PDB file of N, CA and C in Angstrom:
ATOM      1  N   MET A   1      90.757  75.754  76.066  1.00  0.00           N
ATOM      2  CA  MET A   1      91.359  76.628  77.053  1.00  0.00           C
ATOM      3  C   MET A   1      92.011  77.807  76.337  1.00  0.00           C
ATOM      4  N   ALA A   2      91.816  79.002  76.872  1.00  0.00           N
ATOM      5  CA  ALA A   2      92.380  80.201  76.276  1.00  0.00           C
ATOM      6  C   ALA A   2      93.885  80.246  76.515  1.00  0.00           C
ATOM      7  N   THR A   3      94.584  80.849  75.559  1.00  0.00           N
ATOM      8  CA  THR A   3      96.023  80.978  75.719  1.00  0.00           C
ATOM      9  C   THR A   3      96.340  82.205  76.552  1.00  0.00           C
ATOM     10  N   GLU A   4      97.503  82.194  77.165  1.00  0.00           N
ATOM     11  CA  GLU A   4      97.930  83.316  77.997  1.00  0.00           C
ATOM     12  C   GLU A   4      98.297  84.500  77.108  1.00  0.00           C
ATOM     13  N   ARG A   5      97.896  85.691  77.513  1.00  0.00           N
ATOM     14  CA  ARG A   5      98.176  86.890  76.746  1.00  0.00           C
ATOM     15  C   ARG A   5      99.659  87.230  76.826  1.00  0.00           C
ATOM     16  N   LEU A   6     100.182  87.719  75.740  1.00  0.00           N
ATOM     17  CA  LEU A   6     101.576  88.119  75.644  1.00  0.00           C
ATOM     18  C   LEU A   6     101.842  89.320  76.554  1.00  0.00           C
ATOM     19  N   SER A   7     103.018  89.368  77.155  1.00  0.00           N
ATOM     20  CA  SER A   7     103.349  90.498  78.023  1.00  0.00           C
ATOM     21  C   SER A   7     103.416  91.780  77.192  1.00  0.00           C
ATOM     22  N   MET A   8     103.144  92.895  77.833  1.00  0.00           N
ATOM     23  CA  MET A   8     103.205  94.186  77.137  1.00  0.00           C
ATOM     24  C   MET A   8     104.631  94.487  76.680  1.00  0.00           C
ATOM     25  N   ARG A   9     105.616  94.021  77.435  1.00  0.00           N
ATOM     26  CA  ARG A   9     107.013  94.233  77.025  1.00  0.00           C
ATOM     27  C   ARG A   9     107.263  93.575  75.670  1.00  0.00           C
ATOM     28  N   LYS A  10     106.818  92.323  75.524  1.00  0.00           N
ATOM     29  CA  LYS A  10     107.019  91.620  74.250  1.00  0.00           C
ATOM     30  C   LYS A  10     106.154  92.220  73.154  1.00  0.00           C
ATOM     31  N   THR A  11     104.945  92.615  73.501  1.00  0.00           N
ATOM     32  CA  THR A  11     104.068  93.238  72.509  1.00  0.00           C
ATOM     33  C   THR A  11     104.694  94.518  71.980  1.00  0.00           C
ATOM     34  N   ARG A  12     105.199  95.359  72.891  1.00  0.00           N
ATOM     35  CA  ARG A  12     105.861  96.595  72.461  1.00  0.00           C
ATOM     36  C   ARG A  12     107.092  96.299  71.590  1.00  0.00           C
ATOM     37  N   GLU A  13     107.835  95.261  71.944  1.00  0.00           N
ATOM     38  CA  GLU A  13     109.027  94.906  71.170  1.00  0.00           C
ATOM     39  C   GLU A  13     108.639  94.414  69.780  1.00  0.00           C
ATOM     40  N   ILE A  14     107.585  93.626  69.679  1.00  0.00           N
ATOM     41  CA  ILE A  14     107.099  93.181  68.366  1.00  0.00           C
ATOM     42  C   ILE A  14     106.762  94.393  67.514  1.00  0.00           C
ATOM     43  N   LEU A  15     106.004  95.319  68.077  1.00  0.00           N
ATOM     44  CA  LEU A  15     105.584  96.493  67.314  1.00  0.00           C
ATOM     45  C   LEU A  15     106.762  97.391  66.968  1.00  0.00           C
ATOM     46  N   ARG A  16     107.732  97.487  67.854  1.00  0.00           N
ATOM     47  CA  ARG A  16     108.941  98.276  67.562  1.00  0.00           C
ATOM     48  C   ARG A  16     109.721  97.670  66.401  1.00  0.00           C
ATOM     49  N   LEU A  17     109.881  96.351  66.431  1.00  0.00           N
ATOM     50  CA  LEU A  17     110.619  95.679  65.360  1.00  0.00           C
ATOM     51  C   LEU A  17     109.862  95.719  64.031  1.00  0.00           C
ATOM     52  N   LYS A  18     108.531  95.668  64.092  1.00  0.00           N
ATOM     53  CA  LYS A  18     107.742  95.801  62.859  1.00  0.00           C
ATOM     54  C   LYS A  18     107.937  97.191  62.274  1.00  0.00           C
ATOM     55  N   GLU A  19     108.008  98.203  63.137  1.00  0.00           N
ATOM     56  CA  GLU A  19     108.241  99.577  62.674  1.00  0.00           C
ATOM     57  C   GLU A  19     109.597  99.688  61.971  1.00  0.00           C
ATOM     58  N   LEU A  20     110.553  98.856  62.397  1.00  0.00           N
ATOM     59  CA  LEU A  20     111.884  98.828  61.775  1.00  0.00           C
ATOM     60  C   LEU A  20     111.923  97.931  60.542  1.00  0.00           C
ATOM     61  N   LYS A  21     110.738  97.463  60.121  1.00  0.00           N
ATOM     62  CA  LYS A  21     110.581  96.643  58.895  1.00  0.00           C
ATOM     63  C   LYS A  21     111.226  95.267  58.999  1.00  0.00           C
ATOM     64  N   ARG A  22     111.292  94.717  60.205  1.00  0.00           N
ATOM     65  CA  ARG A  22     111.789  93.352  60.378  1.00  0.00           C
ATOM     66  C   ARG A  22     110.711  92.371  59.964  1.00  0.00           C
ATOM     67  N   SER A  23     111.112  91.206  59.499  1.00  0.00           N
ATOM     68  CA  SER A  23     110.144  90.197  59.060  1.00  0.00           C
ATOM     69  C   SER A  23     109.508  89.509  60.264  1.00  0.00           C
ATOM     70  N   HIS A  24     108.334  88.945  60.035  1.00  0.00           N
ATOM     71  CA  HIS A  24     107.661  88.204  61.108  1.00  0.00           C
ATOM     72  C   HIS A  24     108.537  87.053  61.578  1.00  0.00           C
ATOM     73  N   ARG A  25     109.185  86.396  60.637  1.00  0.00           N
ATOM     74  CA  ARG A  25     110.042  85.259  60.985  1.00  0.00           C
ATOM     75  C   ARG A  25     111.207  85.690  61.868  1.00  0.00           C
ATOM     76  N   GLU A  26     111.831  86.802  61.530  1.00  0.00           N
ATOM     77  CA  GLU A  26     112.956  87.300  62.328  1.00  0.00           C
ATOM     78  C   GLU A  26     112.495  87.693  63.730  1.00  0.00           C
ATOM     79  N   ILE A  27     111.367  88.393  63.813  1.00  0.00           N
ATOM     80  CA  ILE A  27     110.839  88.816  65.115  1.00  0.00           C
ATOM     81  C   ILE A  27     110.496  87.604  65.964  1.00  0.00           C
ATOM     82  N   SER A  28     109.844  86.612  65.366  1.00  0.00           N
ATOM     83  CA  SER A  28     109.457  85.429  66.136  1.00  0.00           C
ATOM     84  C   SER A  28     110.686  84.690  66.657  1.00  0.00           C
ATOM     85  N   ARG A  29     111.728  84.627  65.850  1.00  0.00           N
ATOM     86  CA  ARG A  29     112.956  83.949  66.280  1.00  0.00           C
ATOM     87  C   ARG A  29     113.640  84.707  67.412  1.00  0.00           C
ATOM     88  N   VAL A  30     113.754  86.018  67.277  1.00  0.00           N
ATOM     89  CA  VAL A  30     114.444  86.836  68.274  1.00  0.00           C
ATOM     90  C   VAL A  30     113.707  86.826  69.614  1.00  0.00           C
ATOM     91  N   LEU A  31     112.379  86.912  69.573  1.00  0.00           N
ATOM     92  CA  LEU A  31     111.600  87.021  70.806  1.00  0.00           C
ATOM     93  C   LEU A  31     111.105  85.687  71.342  1.00  0.00           C
ATOM     94  N   GLY A  32     111.265  84.629  70.562  1.00  0.00           N
ATOM     95  CA  GLY A  32     110.830  83.314  71.023  1.00  0.00           C
ATOM     96  C   GLY A  32     109.323  83.164  71.063  1.00  0.00           C
ATOM     97  N   VAL A  33     108.636  83.789  70.099  1.00  0.00           N
ATOM     98  CA  VAL A  33     107.192  83.656  69.976  1.00  0.00           C
ATOM     99  C   VAL A  33     106.875  83.119  68.589  1.00  0.00           C
ATOM    100  N   SER A  34     105.648  82.690  68.385  1.00  0.00           N
ATOM    101  CA  SER A  34     105.288  82.145  67.074  1.00  0.00           C
ATOM    102  C   SER A  34     105.073  83.268  66.064  1.00  0.00           C
ATOM    103  N   GLY A  35     105.153  82.895  64.803  1.00  0.00           N
ATOM    104  CA  GLY A  35     104.873  83.856  63.739  1.00  0.00           C
ATOM    105  C   GLY A  35     103.443  84.345  63.807  1.00  0.00           C
ATOM    106  N   ALA A  36     102.525  83.480  64.217  1.00  0.00           N
ATOM    107  CA  ALA A  36     101.117  83.867  64.358  1.00  0.00           C
ATOM    108  C   ALA A  36     100.960  84.931  65.441  1.00  0.00           C
ATOM    109  N   THR A  37     101.741  84.840  66.491  1.00  0.00           N
ATOM    110  CA  THR A  37     101.698  85.835  67.565  1.00  0.00           C
ATOM    111  C   THR A  37     102.152  87.196  67.043  1.00  0.00           C
ATOM    112  N   VAL A  38     103.199  87.196  66.232  1.00  0.00           N
ATOM    113  CA  VAL A  38     103.691  88.440  65.630  1.00  0.00           C
ATOM    114  C   VAL A  38     102.617  89.024  64.714  1.00  0.00           C
ATOM    115  N   SER A  39     102.020  88.181  63.894  1.00  0.00           N
ATOM    116  CA  SER A  39     100.969  88.631  62.978  1.00  0.00           C
ATOM    117  C   SER A  39      99.788  89.217  63.727  1.00  0.00           C
ATOM    118  N   GLU A  40      99.378  88.546  64.794  1.00  0.00           N
ATOM    119  CA  GLU A  40      98.225  89.021  65.560  1.00  0.00           C
ATOM    120  C   GLU A  40      98.507  90.372  66.211  1.00  0.00           C
ATOM    121  N   ALA A  41      99.673  90.533  66.808  1.00  0.00           N
ATOM    122  CA  ALA A  41     100.016  91.808  67.452  1.00  0.00           C
ATOM    123  C   ALA A  41     100.052  92.937  66.424  1.00  0.00           C
ATOM    124  N   ALA A  42     100.643  92.680  65.267  1.00  0.00           N
ATOM    125  CA  ALA A  42     100.718  93.701  64.221  1.00  0.00           C
ATOM    126  C   ALA A  42      99.326  94.037  63.699  1.00  0.00           C
ATOM    127  N   ALA A  43      98.486  93.031  63.525  1.00  0.00           N
ATOM    128  CA  ALA A  43      97.128  93.248  63.031  1.00  0.00           C
ATOM    129  C   ALA A  43      96.297  94.046  64.040  1.00  0.00           C
ATOM    130  N   ARG A  44      96.446  93.729  65.317  1.00  0.00           N
ATOM    131  CA  ARG A  44      95.705  94.467  66.351  1.00  0.00           C
ATOM    132  C   ARG A  44      96.128  95.934  66.375  1.00  0.00           C
ATOM    133  N   ALA A  45      97.421  96.197  66.237  1.00  0.00           N
ATOM    134  CA  ALA A  45      97.904  97.582  66.228  1.00  0.00           C
ATOM    135  C   ALA A  45      97.376  98.319  64.997  1.00  0.00           C
ATOM    136  N   ARG A  46      97.383  97.668  63.842  1.00  0.00           N
ATOM    137  CA  ARG A  46      96.847  98.272  62.624  1.00  0.00           C
ATOM    138  C   ARG A  46      95.365  98.583  62.777  1.00  0.00           C
ATOM    139  N   ALA A  47      94.606  97.615  63.301  1.00  0.00           N
ATOM    140  CA  ALA A  47      93.164  97.788  63.470  1.00  0.00           C
ATOM    141  C   ALA A  47      92.848  98.919  64.444  1.00  0.00           C
ATOM    142  N   ALA A  48      93.719  99.120  65.437  1.00  0.00           N
ATOM    143  CA  ALA A  48      93.519 100.185  66.427  1.00  0.00           C
ATOM    144  C   ALA A  48      94.038 101.524  65.916  1.00  0.00           C
ATOM    145  N   GLY A  49      94.684 101.525  64.738  1.00  0.00           N
ATOM    146  CA  GLY A  49      95.209 102.764  64.167  1.00  0.00           C
ATOM    147  C   GLY A  49      96.410 103.310  64.909  1.00  0.00           C
ATOM    148  N   LEU A  50      97.218 102.417  65.469  1.00  0.00           N
ATOM    149  CA  LEU A  50      98.367 102.846  66.266  1.00  0.00           C
ATOM    150  C   LEU A  50      99.642 102.884  65.433  1.00  0.00           C
ATOM    151  N   ASP A  51     100.432 103.912  65.646  1.00  0.00           N
ATOM    152  CA  ASP A  51     101.752 103.985  65.035  1.00  0.00           C
ATOM    153  C   ASP A  51     102.791 104.038  66.153  1.00  0.00           C
ATOM    154  N   ALA A  52     104.047 104.077  65.783  1.00  0.00           N
ATOM    155  CA  ALA A  52     105.120 104.016  66.775  1.00  0.00           C
ATOM    156  C   ALA A  52     105.046 105.173  67.770  1.00  0.00           C
ATOM    157  N   ALA A  53     104.729 106.360  67.296  1.00  0.00           N
ATOM    158  CA  ALA A  53     104.655 107.522  68.188  1.00  0.00           C
ATOM    159  C   ALA A  53     103.534 107.354  69.210  1.00  0.00           C
ATOM    160  N   ALA A  54     102.389 106.889  68.758  1.00  0.00           N
ATOM    161  CA  ALA A  54     101.250 106.690  69.663  1.00  0.00           C
ATOM    162  C   ALA A  54     101.561 105.607  70.689  1.00  0.00           C
ATOM    163  N   ILE A  55     102.169 104.528  70.236  1.00  0.00           N
ATOM    164  CA  ILE A  55     102.503 103.426  71.134  1.00  0.00           C
ATOM    165  C   ILE A  55     103.501 103.878  72.188  1.00  0.00           C
ATOM    166  N   GLY A  56     104.488 104.653  71.787  1.00  0.00           N
ATOM    167  CA  GLY A  56     105.500 105.143  72.714  1.00  0.00           C
ATOM    168  C   GLY A  56     104.946 106.077  73.777  1.00  0.00           C
ATOM    169  N   ALA A  57     103.868 106.784  73.449  1.00  0.00           N
ATOM    170  CA  ALA A  57     103.288 107.741  74.384  1.00  0.00           C
ATOM    171  C   ALA A  57     102.296 107.102  75.353  1.00  0.00           C
ATOM    172  N   MET A  58     101.943 105.840  75.119  1.00  0.00           N
ATOM    173  CA  MET A  58     100.933 105.172  75.945  1.00  0.00           C
ATOM    174  C   MET A  58     101.549 104.390  77.093  1.00  0.00           C
ATOM    175  N   THR A  59     100.789 104.318  78.176  1.00  0.00           N
ATOM    176  CA  THR A  59     101.177 103.427  79.266  1.00  0.00           C
ATOM    177  C   THR A  59     100.814 102.010  78.852  1.00  0.00           C
ATOM    178  N   ASP A  60     101.305 101.034  79.591  1.00  0.00           N
ATOM    179  CA  ASP A  60     100.962  99.647  79.298  1.00  0.00           C
ATOM    180  C   ASP A  60      99.458  99.416  79.387  1.00  0.00           C
ATOM    181  N   ALA A  61      98.812 100.026  80.375  1.00  0.00           N
ATOM    182  CA  ALA A  61      97.366  99.854  80.547  1.00  0.00           C
ATOM    183  C   ALA A  61      96.601 100.451  79.365  1.00  0.00           C
ATOM    184  N   GLU A  62      97.031 101.617  78.881  1.00  0.00           N
ATOM    185  CA  GLU A  62      96.371 102.243  77.729  1.00  0.00           C
ATOM    186  C   GLU A  62      96.564 101.404  76.469  1.00  0.00           C
ATOM    187  N   LEU A  63      97.774 100.905  76.265  1.00  0.00           N
ATOM    188  CA  LEU A  63      98.048 100.073  75.102  1.00  0.00           C
ATOM    189  C   LEU A  63      97.238  98.780  75.160  1.00  0.00           C
ATOM    190  N   ASP A  64      97.180  98.184  76.326  1.00  0.00           N
ATOM    191  CA  ASP A  64      96.397  96.960  76.501  1.00  0.00           C
ATOM    192  C   ASP A  64      94.929  97.199  76.155  1.00  0.00           C
ATOM    193  N   ALA A  65      94.391  98.314  76.616  1.00  0.00           N
ATOM    194  CA  ALA A  65      92.981  98.633  76.348  1.00  0.00           C
ATOM    195  C   ALA A  65      92.725  98.861  74.866  1.00  0.00           C
ATOM    196  N   ARG A  66      93.693  99.433  74.162  1.00  0.00           N
ATOM    197  CA  ARG A  66      93.519  99.672  72.719  1.00  0.00           C
ATOM    198  C   ARG A  66      93.680  98.399  71.899  1.00  0.00           C
ATOM    199  N   LEU A  67      94.626  97.545  72.296  1.00  0.00           N
ATOM    200  CA  LEU A  67      94.854  96.316  71.538  1.00  0.00           C
ATOM    201  C   LEU A  67      93.839  95.225  71.855  1.00  0.00           C
ATOM    202  N   TYR A  68      93.361  95.212  73.082  1.00  0.00           N
ATOM    203  CA  TYR A  68      92.430  94.178  73.535  1.00  0.00           C
ATOM    204  C   TYR A  68      91.181  94.828  74.125  1.00  0.00           C
ATOM    205  N   PRO A  69      90.374  95.484  73.285  1.00  0.00           N
ATOM    206  CA  PRO A  69      89.186  96.162  73.823  1.00  0.00           C
ATOM    207  C   PRO A  69      88.219  95.162  74.448  1.00  0.00           C
ATOM    208  N   ARG A  70      87.575  95.608  75.507  1.00  0.00           N
ATOM    209  CA  ARG A  70      86.608  94.744  76.190  1.00  0.00           C
ATOM    210  C   ARG A  70      85.362  94.632  75.328  1.00  0.00           C
ATOM    211  N   PRO A  71      84.825  93.453  75.154  1.00  0.00           N
ATOM    212  CA  PRO A  71      83.602  93.315  74.368  1.00  0.00           C
ATOM    213  C   PRO A  71      82.436  94.029  75.042  1.00  0.00           C
ATOM    214  N   THR A  72      81.633  94.651  74.242  1.00  0.00           N
ATOM    215  CA  THR A  72      80.458  95.325  74.785  1.00  0.00           C
ATOM    216  C   THR A  72      79.266  94.386  74.664  1.00  0.00           C
ATOM    217  N   THR A  73      78.416  94.416  75.647  1.00  0.00           N
ATOM    218  CA  THR A  73      77.212  93.600  75.604  1.00  0.00           C
ATOM    219  C   THR A  73      76.009  94.536  75.649  1.00  0.00           C
ATOM    220  N   ASP A  74      75.120  94.335  74.728  1.00  0.00           N
ATOM    221  CA  ASP A  74      73.910  95.135  74.695  1.00  0.00           C
ATOM    222  C   ASP A  74      72.828  94.449  75.495  1.00  0.00           C
ATOM    223  N   VAL A  75      72.286  95.170  76.435  1.00  0.00           N
ATOM    224  CA  VAL A  75      71.223  94.636  77.268  1.00  0.00           C
ATOM    225  C   VAL A  75      69.910  95.206  76.761  1.00  0.00           C
ATOM    226  N   CYS A  76      68.998  94.339  76.463  1.00  0.00           N
ATOM    227  CA  CYS A  76      67.706  94.789  75.916  1.00  0.00           C
ATOM    228  C   CYS A  76      66.764  95.236  76.982  1.00  0.00           C
TER     229      CYS A  76
END
């Protein structure tokens, strides 16, 4: 069974705290999420090429689309 996706509020907070150079352990404790969740959110933002300024300028829907892109299927 798939796990429930993290709320955009928590995702934004993880990325904000990472920008402030907080440790994964500290972020996970403060937000009540696992360290793996913090790592995944940070990795997705890095892979999408997002920085704090870009994240701040995006709506939740835009951020969601960048962090969780829809898989493309090629039809032959």
